[in-house]
N, C-alpha and C. Protein backbone atom coordinates (compact mmCIF):
# COMPACT_ATOMS: atom_id res chain seq x y z
N MET A 1 10.66 8.49 40.74
CA MET A 1 11.37 8.41 39.02
C MET A 1 11.31 7.10 38.44
N LYS A 2 11.42 6.03 39.78
CA LYS A 2 11.48 4.36 39.54
C LYS A 2 10.06 4.05 39.18
N ILE A 3 8.76 4.85 39.79
CA ILE A 3 7.82 4.67 39.10
C ILE A 3 7.36 4.58 37.97
N LEU A 4 7.60 6.30 37.78
CA LEU A 4 7.44 6.38 36.11
C LEU A 4 8.60 5.60 35.27
N PHE A 5 9.63 5.12 35.39
CA PHE A 5 9.93 4.40 34.91
C PHE A 5 9.51 3.29 34.18
N PHE A 6 8.94 2.65 35.47
CA PHE A 6 8.04 0.91 35.29
C PHE A 6 7.27 1.78 34.99
N ILE A 7 6.01 2.06 34.86
CA ILE A 7 4.64 2.51 34.48
C ILE A 7 5.45 2.35 32.58
N SER A 8 6.44 3.03 32.18
CA SER A 8 7.33 3.58 30.63
C SER A 8 7.57 2.81 30.23
N LEU A 9 7.74 1.07 30.96
CA LEU A 9 8.46 0.08 30.31
C LEU A 9 7.07 -0.46 30.01
N ILE A 10 6.33 -0.74 31.05
CA ILE A 10 4.71 -1.68 31.16
C ILE A 10 3.83 -1.32 29.42
N ILE A 11 3.65 0.28 29.94
CA ILE A 11 3.69 0.50 28.11
C ILE A 11 4.32 0.37 26.97
N ASN A 12 5.53 0.32 27.14
CA ASN A 12 6.16 0.15 25.13
C ASN A 12 5.98 -1.26 25.37
N ILE A 13 5.56 -1.96 26.70
CA ILE A 13 5.55 -3.72 26.44
C ILE A 13 4.77 -3.63 25.39
N GLU A 14 3.96 -3.18 26.29
CA GLU A 14 2.23 -3.14 26.34
C GLU A 14 1.81 -3.14 24.97
N SER A 15 2.37 -1.84 24.16
CA SER A 15 2.14 -1.54 22.94
C SER A 15 3.28 -2.51 22.07
N SER A 16 3.91 -2.87 22.28
CA SER A 16 4.90 -3.82 20.90
C SER A 16 4.34 -5.29 21.59
N ASN A 17 3.36 -5.43 21.96
CA ASN A 17 2.57 -6.40 22.34
C ASN A 17 1.26 -6.95 21.00
N SER A 18 0.97 -4.76 21.42
CA SER A 18 -0.44 -4.47 20.29
C SER A 18 0.34 -5.10 19.09
N SER A 19 1.59 -4.47 18.46
CA SER A 19 1.63 -4.52 17.17
C SER A 19 2.14 -5.81 16.91
N GLN A 20 2.65 -6.70 17.19
CA GLN A 20 2.83 -7.54 17.07
C GLN A 20 1.89 -8.25 16.79
N ARG A 21 0.55 -8.30 17.61
CA ARG A 21 -0.21 -9.36 17.84
C ARG A 21 -1.65 -8.67 16.53
N GLY A 22 -1.35 -7.53 16.46
CA GLY A 22 -1.48 -7.21 15.31
C GLY A 22 -1.10 -7.50 13.50
N LEU A 23 0.02 -7.89 13.65
CA LEU A 23 1.02 -8.32 12.90
C LEU A 23 0.10 -9.82 12.35
N LYS A 24 0.39 -10.02 14.03
CA LYS A 24 0.16 -11.83 13.29
C LYS A 24 -1.29 -12.31 13.15
N TYR A 25 -2.31 -11.14 12.94
CA TYR A 25 -4.58 -11.04 12.87
C TYR A 25 -4.43 -11.09 11.26
N TYR A 26 -3.37 -9.73 10.97
CA TYR A 26 -2.29 -9.13 9.52
C TYR A 26 -2.49 -10.07 8.39
N LYS A 27 -1.42 -10.94 8.76
CA LYS A 27 -1.45 -12.16 8.01
C LYS A 27 -1.90 -13.48 8.14
N SER A 28 -2.62 -13.61 9.16
CA SER A 28 -3.81 -15.00 8.77
C SER A 28 -4.60 -14.49 8.26
N GLY A 29 -4.77 -12.87 7.92
CA GLY A 29 -5.98 -12.68 6.78
C GLY A 29 -7.57 -12.06 8.01
N ASP A 30 -6.89 -11.49 9.20
CA ASP A 30 -8.10 -11.41 10.18
C ASP A 30 -7.96 -9.77 10.18
N TYR A 31 -8.41 -8.59 9.15
CA TYR A 31 -7.77 -7.63 9.08
C TYR A 31 -8.49 -6.48 10.00
N ILE A 32 -9.75 -7.24 10.63
CA ILE A 32 -10.52 -6.20 11.34
C ILE A 32 -9.80 -6.47 12.60
N LYS A 33 -9.85 -7.71 13.29
CA LYS A 33 -8.99 -7.52 14.44
C LYS A 33 -7.49 -6.84 14.39
N ALA A 34 -6.80 -7.08 13.40
CA ALA A 34 -5.66 -6.33 12.83
C ALA A 34 -5.16 -5.09 13.41
N ILE A 35 -7.11 -4.25 12.70
CA ILE A 35 -7.21 -2.47 12.60
C ILE A 35 -7.05 -2.14 13.96
N ASN A 36 -7.57 -3.28 14.96
CA ASN A 36 -8.01 -3.16 16.35
C ASN A 36 -6.90 -3.34 16.82
N PHE A 37 -6.08 -3.76 16.96
CA PHE A 37 -4.60 -4.10 17.46
C PHE A 37 -3.97 -2.45 17.17
N PHE A 38 -3.80 -2.76 15.52
CA PHE A 38 -2.83 -2.05 15.30
C PHE A 38 -3.39 -0.31 15.87
N LEU A 39 -4.73 -0.16 15.60
CA LEU A 39 -4.92 1.40 16.32
C LEU A 39 -4.47 1.05 17.54
N ARG A 40 -4.78 0.80 18.48
CA ARG A 40 -3.76 0.64 20.09
C ARG A 40 -2.11 1.08 19.53
N GLU A 41 -1.92 0.36 18.50
CA GLU A 41 -0.49 1.24 18.65
C GLU A 41 -0.47 2.15 17.93
N LYS A 42 -1.73 3.29 17.34
CA LYS A 42 -1.34 4.12 16.90
C LYS A 42 -0.98 5.00 17.51
N LYS A 43 -1.28 4.72 18.96
CA LYS A 43 -0.04 5.97 19.79
C LYS A 43 1.09 6.33 19.62
N ASN A 44 1.97 5.02 18.98
CA ASN A 44 3.35 5.28 19.12
C ASN A 44 3.95 5.71 18.04
N LYS A 45 4.26 6.87 17.65
CA LYS A 45 4.00 7.29 16.22
C LYS A 45 5.42 7.20 15.87
N ARG A 46 6.29 6.29 16.61
CA ARG A 46 7.78 6.24 15.61
C ARG A 46 7.46 4.69 14.55
N LYS A 47 6.31 3.67 14.91
CA LYS A 47 6.15 2.76 14.65
C LYS A 47 5.16 3.19 12.90
N PHE A 48 6.10 3.68 12.54
CA PHE A 48 5.73 4.28 11.13
C PHE A 48 4.63 2.56 9.74
N LYS A 49 5.96 1.34 10.20
CA LYS A 49 5.20 0.67 9.56
C LYS A 49 4.23 -0.23 9.95
N ASN A 50 3.73 -0.06 11.49
CA ASN A 50 2.16 -0.34 11.87
C ASN A 50 0.94 1.05 11.27
N TYR A 51 1.20 2.34 10.44
CA TYR A 51 0.69 2.54 10.20
C TYR A 51 0.15 2.44 8.10
N PHE A 52 1.55 1.82 8.03
CA PHE A 52 1.19 0.95 6.67
C PHE A 52 0.50 -0.20 6.53
N TYR A 53 0.51 -1.29 7.77
CA TYR A 53 -0.07 -2.50 8.11
C TYR A 53 -2.09 -2.23 8.30
N LEU A 54 -1.87 -0.59 9.04
CA LEU A 54 -2.87 -0.38 9.84
C LEU A 54 -3.54 0.16 8.26
N GLY A 55 -3.40 0.49 7.45
CA GLY A 55 -3.53 1.31 6.65
C GLY A 55 -4.13 -0.13 5.18
N HIS A 56 -3.33 -0.71 4.91
CA HIS A 56 -3.44 -2.02 4.13
C HIS A 56 -4.69 -2.75 4.91
N SER A 57 -4.19 -2.84 6.18
CA SER A 57 -5.91 -3.83 6.44
C SER A 57 -7.02 -2.97 5.71
N TYR A 58 -6.80 -1.05 6.98
CA TYR A 58 -8.33 -1.14 6.00
C TYR A 58 -8.36 -0.65 4.16
N SER A 59 -7.72 -0.71 3.17
CA SER A 59 -8.22 -1.47 2.07
C SER A 59 -8.91 -2.72 2.40
N LEU A 60 -7.94 -3.77 2.63
CA LEU A 60 -9.06 -5.35 2.72
C LEU A 60 -9.83 -5.27 2.95
N THR A 61 -10.57 -4.22 4.00
CA THR A 61 -12.00 -4.37 4.35
C THR A 61 -12.80 -3.08 3.93
N ASN A 62 -12.20 -2.64 2.59
CA ASN A 62 -12.64 -1.78 1.70
C ASN A 62 -13.49 -0.50 2.20
N ASP A 63 -11.70 0.25 2.73
CA ASP A 63 -12.15 1.34 3.71
C ASP A 63 -11.02 2.14 3.15
N ASN A 64 -11.11 2.35 1.59
CA ASN A 64 -10.12 2.57 0.88
C ASN A 64 -9.40 4.63 1.67
N GLU A 65 -10.78 5.32 1.97
CA GLU A 65 -10.02 6.73 2.45
C GLU A 65 -9.83 6.57 3.80
N SER A 66 -9.90 5.23 4.71
CA SER A 66 -9.14 5.40 6.09
C SER A 66 -7.55 4.73 5.56
N ALA A 67 -7.76 3.49 4.54
CA ALA A 67 -6.24 3.73 4.41
C ALA A 67 -5.51 4.27 3.62
N ILE A 68 -5.92 5.69 3.06
CA ILE A 68 -5.31 6.31 2.39
C ILE A 68 -4.97 7.42 3.78
N LYS A 69 -5.04 7.61 4.71
CA LYS A 69 -4.73 8.41 5.56
C LYS A 69 -3.80 8.10 6.00
N MET A 70 -3.60 6.51 6.55
CA MET A 70 -2.93 5.90 7.57
C MET A 70 -1.27 5.64 6.36
N TYR A 71 -1.52 5.23 5.34
CA TYR A 71 -0.74 5.01 4.42
C TYR A 71 -0.42 6.59 4.30
N GLU A 72 -0.75 8.07 3.86
CA GLU A 72 -0.37 9.33 4.37
C GLU A 72 0.66 9.33 5.77
N LYS A 73 0.40 9.23 6.69
CA LYS A 73 1.06 8.62 8.03
C LYS A 73 2.62 8.30 7.66
N ALA A 74 2.04 6.43 7.26
CA ALA A 74 3.13 5.82 6.67
C ALA A 74 4.42 6.35 6.36
N LEU A 75 4.19 7.14 5.43
CA LEU A 75 5.19 7.76 3.83
C LEU A 75 5.96 8.90 5.02
N GLU A 76 5.56 8.62 6.67
CA GLU A 76 6.39 10.50 7.43
C GLU A 76 7.69 8.97 7.42
N GLY A 77 7.63 8.32 7.68
CA GLY A 77 8.44 6.35 8.14
C GLY A 77 9.50 6.86 7.24
N ASN A 78 10.63 5.48 7.62
CA ASN A 78 11.42 5.23 6.74
C ASN A 78 11.38 4.07 6.43
N PHE A 79 9.98 3.63 6.35
CA PHE A 79 9.48 2.49 5.58
C PHE A 79 9.57 2.80 3.60
N LYS A 80 9.42 1.42 3.43
CA LYS A 80 9.50 1.20 1.92
C LYS A 80 8.47 1.94 0.83
N LYS A 81 8.88 3.32 0.77
CA LYS A 81 7.83 4.80 0.20
C LYS A 81 7.30 3.56 -1.25
N SER A 82 8.05 3.17 -1.88
CA SER A 82 7.28 2.26 -3.20
C SER A 82 6.10 1.63 -3.40
N ILE A 83 6.00 0.65 -1.56
CA ILE A 83 5.17 0.34 -1.56
C ILE A 83 3.54 0.42 -0.94
N ILE A 84 4.29 1.48 -0.10
CA ILE A 84 3.32 2.77 0.64
C ILE A 84 2.35 3.62 -0.96
N TYR A 85 3.09 4.08 -1.81
CA TYR A 85 2.86 4.75 -3.03
C TYR A 85 2.47 4.22 -3.77
N PHE A 86 2.40 3.27 -3.58
CA PHE A 86 1.24 1.58 -4.36
C PHE A 86 -0.01 1.18 -4.13
N GLU A 87 0.37 1.43 -2.92
CA GLU A 87 -0.97 0.69 -2.00
C GLU A 87 -1.82 1.50 -2.36
N MET A 88 -1.45 3.06 -2.13
CA MET A 88 -2.68 4.77 -1.73
C MET A 88 -2.97 4.42 -2.49
N GLY A 89 -2.32 4.38 -4.33
CA GLY A 89 -2.29 4.57 -5.47
C GLY A 89 -3.44 3.74 -5.79
N MET A 90 -3.41 2.11 -5.12
CA MET A 90 -4.37 1.19 -5.47
C MET A 90 -5.79 1.49 -5.11
N SER A 91 -5.77 2.06 -3.32
CA SER A 91 -6.58 3.02 -2.95
C SER A 91 -7.33 4.10 -3.55
N TYR A 92 -6.96 4.80 -4.40
CA TYR A 92 -7.95 5.61 -4.47
C TYR A 92 -8.29 5.49 -6.16
N PHE A 93 -7.50 4.37 -6.59
CA PHE A 93 -8.03 3.75 -7.67
C PHE A 93 -9.48 3.82 -7.16
N LEU A 94 -9.44 2.33 -5.80
CA LEU A 94 -10.74 1.66 -5.83
C LEU A 94 -12.39 2.81 -5.09
N ILE A 95 -11.27 4.19 -4.99
CA ILE A 95 -12.12 4.96 -5.16
C ILE A 95 -12.80 6.20 -5.82
N ASN A 96 -12.25 5.66 -6.65
CA ASN A 96 -12.37 6.40 -8.24
C ASN A 96 -12.33 6.89 -8.31
N LYS A 97 -11.21 7.65 -7.86
CA LYS A 97 -9.90 8.62 -7.61
C LYS A 97 -8.68 8.19 -8.96
N SER A 98 -8.93 7.74 -10.25
CA SER A 98 -7.77 7.49 -11.07
C SER A 98 -6.48 8.51 -11.17
N GLU A 99 -6.94 9.25 -11.35
CA GLU A 99 -6.04 10.81 -11.48
C GLU A 99 -4.85 10.75 -9.89
N LYS A 100 -5.36 11.27 -8.76
CA LYS A 100 -4.65 10.21 -7.93
C LYS A 100 -4.19 9.11 -8.04
N ALA A 101 -4.47 8.23 -8.70
CA ALA A 101 -3.50 7.15 -7.71
C ALA A 101 -3.20 6.73 -9.78
N LEU A 102 -2.77 7.31 -10.26
CA LEU A 102 -2.03 7.33 -11.57
C LEU A 102 -0.45 7.98 -10.67
N GLN A 103 -1.05 9.45 -9.60
CA GLN A 103 0.01 10.38 -9.62
C GLN A 103 0.85 8.80 -9.14
N ASN A 104 0.35 8.54 -7.38
CA ASN A 104 0.91 7.72 -6.75
C ASN A 104 1.55 6.24 -7.04
N LEU A 105 0.97 5.45 -8.83
CA LEU A 105 1.84 4.47 -9.31
C LEU A 105 3.00 5.10 -9.89
N ASN A 106 2.92 6.47 -10.37
CA ASN A 106 3.93 7.00 -11.31
C ASN A 106 4.98 7.33 -9.55
N LEU A 107 4.78 7.21 -8.67
CA LEU A 107 6.22 7.84 -6.95
C LEU A 107 6.44 6.58 -7.06
N ALA A 108 5.21 5.24 -6.82
CA ALA A 108 5.50 4.36 -6.99
C ALA A 108 6.74 3.18 -7.59
N LEU A 109 7.02 3.76 -9.35
CA LEU A 109 7.91 3.64 -10.31
C LEU A 109 8.79 4.26 -10.04
N LYS A 110 8.62 5.20 -9.35
CA LYS A 110 9.90 6.52 -9.82
C LYS A 110 11.02 5.24 -8.90
N ASN A 111 10.21 5.14 -7.60
CA ASN A 111 11.39 4.36 -6.23
C ASN A 111 11.72 2.95 -7.20
N ASP A 112 11.03 2.63 -7.67
CA ASP A 112 11.56 0.80 -8.57
C ASP A 112 10.57 0.66 -9.59
N PRO A 113 11.49 1.29 -10.30
CA PRO A 113 11.09 1.56 -12.13
C PRO A 113 10.68 0.44 -12.22
N ASN A 114 11.38 -1.49 -12.03
CA ASN A 114 11.36 -2.56 -12.55
C ASN A 114 10.36 -3.01 -11.74
N ASN A 115 9.14 -2.57 -11.32
CA ASN A 115 8.38 -3.86 -10.92
C ASN A 115 6.94 -3.88 -11.50
N VAL A 116 7.17 -4.62 -12.21
CA VAL A 116 6.30 -5.25 -12.80
C VAL A 116 4.99 -5.39 -12.53
N SER A 117 4.69 -5.63 -10.90
CA SER A 117 2.97 -5.31 -10.63
C SER A 117 2.67 -3.73 -11.11
N TYR A 118 3.85 -2.83 -10.53
CA TYR A 118 3.15 -1.18 -10.69
C TYR A 118 3.19 -1.37 -11.72
N LEU A 119 3.64 -1.86 -13.07
CA LEU A 119 3.91 -1.40 -14.04
C LEU A 119 2.79 -2.11 -15.18
N ILE A 120 2.35 -3.38 -14.17
CA ILE A 120 0.04 -3.57 -15.07
C ILE A 120 -0.69 -2.64 -14.98
N ASN A 121 -0.70 -1.98 -13.51
CA ASN A 121 -1.31 -1.78 -12.57
C ASN A 121 -1.96 -0.18 -12.94
N ARG A 122 -0.36 0.46 -13.00
CA ARG A 122 -0.52 1.66 -14.17
C ARG A 122 -1.39 1.64 -15.11
N GLY A 123 -0.40 1.05 -15.51
CA GLY A 123 -1.05 0.49 -17.37
C GLY A 123 -2.82 0.29 -17.26
N SER A 124 -2.85 -0.42 -16.42
CA SER A 124 -4.94 -0.50 -16.38
C SER A 124 -5.62 1.33 -15.50
N ILE A 125 -4.56 1.34 -14.99
CA ILE A 125 -4.91 3.34 -14.84
C ILE A 125 -4.57 3.85 -15.38
N LYS A 126 -3.98 4.00 -16.38
CA LYS A 126 -3.55 4.89 -17.36
C LYS A 126 -5.04 4.64 -18.95
N TYR A 127 -4.98 3.16 -19.19
CA TYR A 127 -5.97 2.95 -20.14
C TYR A 127 -7.19 3.00 -19.31
N ASP A 128 -7.81 3.18 -17.90
CA ASP A 128 -9.06 3.97 -17.60
C ASP A 128 -9.20 5.72 -18.04
N LEU A 129 -8.07 6.09 -18.21
CA LEU A 129 -8.26 7.30 -18.54
C LEU A 129 -8.12 7.78 -19.40
N GLY A 130 -7.82 6.49 -20.64
CA GLY A 130 -8.01 7.17 -22.17
C GLY A 130 -6.61 7.13 -22.43
N LEU A 131 -5.66 6.58 -21.44
CA LEU A 131 -4.51 7.29 -22.31
C LEU A 131 -3.67 5.76 -22.77
N THR A 132 -4.41 5.22 -23.73
CA THR A 132 -3.95 3.76 -24.23
C THR A 132 -2.70 3.53 -24.54
N LYS A 133 -2.22 4.83 -25.56
CA LYS A 133 -0.48 4.52 -25.46
C LYS A 133 0.41 4.48 -24.87
N SER A 134 -0.02 5.04 -23.66
CA SER A 134 0.36 5.31 -22.86
C SER A 134 0.61 3.93 -21.80
N ALA A 135 -1.05 3.46 -21.63
CA ALA A 135 -1.07 2.04 -20.75
C ALA A 135 -0.37 1.16 -22.18
N CYS A 136 -0.10 0.64 -22.92
CA CYS A 136 0.41 -0.49 -23.61
C CYS A 136 1.90 0.15 -23.33
N ARG A 137 2.42 1.13 -23.23
CA ARG A 137 3.86 0.99 -23.38
C ARG A 137 4.28 0.31 -21.87
N ASP A 138 3.69 0.73 -20.98
CA ASP A 138 3.50 0.05 -19.77
C ASP A 138 3.58 -1.64 -19.63
N TRP A 139 2.35 -2.43 -20.07
CA TRP A 139 2.35 -3.38 -20.57
C TRP A 139 3.59 -4.32 -21.09
N ILE A 140 3.72 -3.31 -22.43
CA ILE A 140 4.81 -4.28 -23.05
C ILE A 140 6.36 -4.01 -22.15
N LYS A 141 6.40 -3.17 -21.29
CA LYS A 141 7.56 -2.95 -20.46
C LYS A 141 7.24 -4.03 -19.66
N ALA A 142 6.22 -4.14 -18.84
CA ALA A 142 6.05 -5.10 -17.70
C ALA A 142 6.66 -6.77 -18.71
N ASN A 143 6.06 -6.90 -19.70
CA ASN A 143 5.71 -8.47 -20.16
C ASN A 143 7.68 -8.78 -20.50
N ILE A 144 8.28 -7.29 -20.93
CA ILE A 144 9.79 -7.44 -21.51
C ILE A 144 10.35 -7.69 -20.20
N LEU A 145 9.90 -7.13 -18.81
CA LEU A 145 10.83 -7.49 -17.51
C LEU A 145 10.51 -9.30 -16.93
N LYS A 146 9.25 -9.63 -17.19
CA LYS A 146 9.22 -10.92 -17.14
C LYS A 146 8.25 -11.32 -18.24
N ASN A 147 8.50 -12.15 -19.06
CA ASN A 147 7.93 -12.73 -19.89
C ASN A 147 6.12 -13.59 -19.06
N ASP A 148 5.16 -13.06 -19.62
CA ASP A 148 4.42 -14.26 -19.05
C ASP A 148 3.55 -13.61 -18.15
N SER A 149 4.15 -12.09 -17.53
CA SER A 149 3.14 -11.11 -16.81
C SER A 149 1.73 -10.64 -16.76
N ILE A 150 1.89 -10.49 -18.07
CA ILE A 150 0.69 -10.01 -18.81
C ILE A 150 0.16 -10.67 -19.47
N ASP A 151 -1.34 -10.87 -19.65
CA ASP A 151 -2.37 -11.87 -20.80
C ASP A 151 -1.73 -11.21 -22.45
N LEU A 152 -0.48 -11.62 -22.63
CA LEU A 152 -0.33 -11.04 -24.43
C LEU A 152 -2.01 -10.44 -25.62
N GLU A 153 -3.18 -11.91 -25.10
CA GLU A 153 -4.67 -11.54 -25.85
C GLU A 153 -4.62 -10.22 -24.93
N LEU A 154 -4.31 -9.58 -24.53
CA LEU A 154 -5.24 -8.57 -23.52
C LEU A 154 -4.43 -6.87 -24.55
N ILE A 155 -2.71 -7.29 -24.53
CA ILE A 155 -2.40 -6.51 -24.67
C ILE A 155 -2.77 -6.95 -26.14
N ASN A 156 -2.87 -7.10 -27.26
CA ASN A 156 -3.13 -7.04 -28.76
C ASN A 156 -4.58 -6.61 -29.28
N ILE A 157 -5.69 -7.55 -28.07
CA ILE A 157 -6.63 -6.46 -28.32
C ILE A 157 -7.00 -4.81 -28.13
N ASN A 158 -6.16 -4.67 -27.00
CA ASN A 158 -6.41 -3.15 -26.73
C ASN A 158 -4.81 -2.56 -27.13
N CYS A 159 -3.84 -2.90 -27.42
CA CYS A 159 -2.98 -2.50 -27.82
C CYS A 159 -2.87 -2.06 -30.05
N ASN A 160 -3.45 -2.89 -30.75
CA ASN A 160 -3.63 -2.12 -31.75
C ASN A 160 -4.62 -1.88 -32.59
């Protein structure tokens, strides 16, 4: 019994170390190394935050399909949902799935309705889908919430 406890303790320490090292590489911008360490941690299904960082690392290395899979796993945990939906939406947008991207940005804004970055990006996705008036509303709201958050010339050219 003591041996099993000791083995379990070693596995948990190694797993935690993988998570910390993955986060270190993620923060330094070495996403390939971060992915390798987060994949080791992936076996610990309770670490939903690691799924987010793993997904974001995949996204930053242009593997958006893998990113989406990890974001979906991250949603199962108690991690902040709005950022997951936002990043998943951006990954969908980058693989030319604008409708899925819009669905995710809508969910991100449902959880964080005054996030200027979410509004600007949702506006851009709407514009890409031909929803010009709705896109302009998002951009104008973003500008009202944070002056100079978006180039007014962009609004003037596309919204008049």
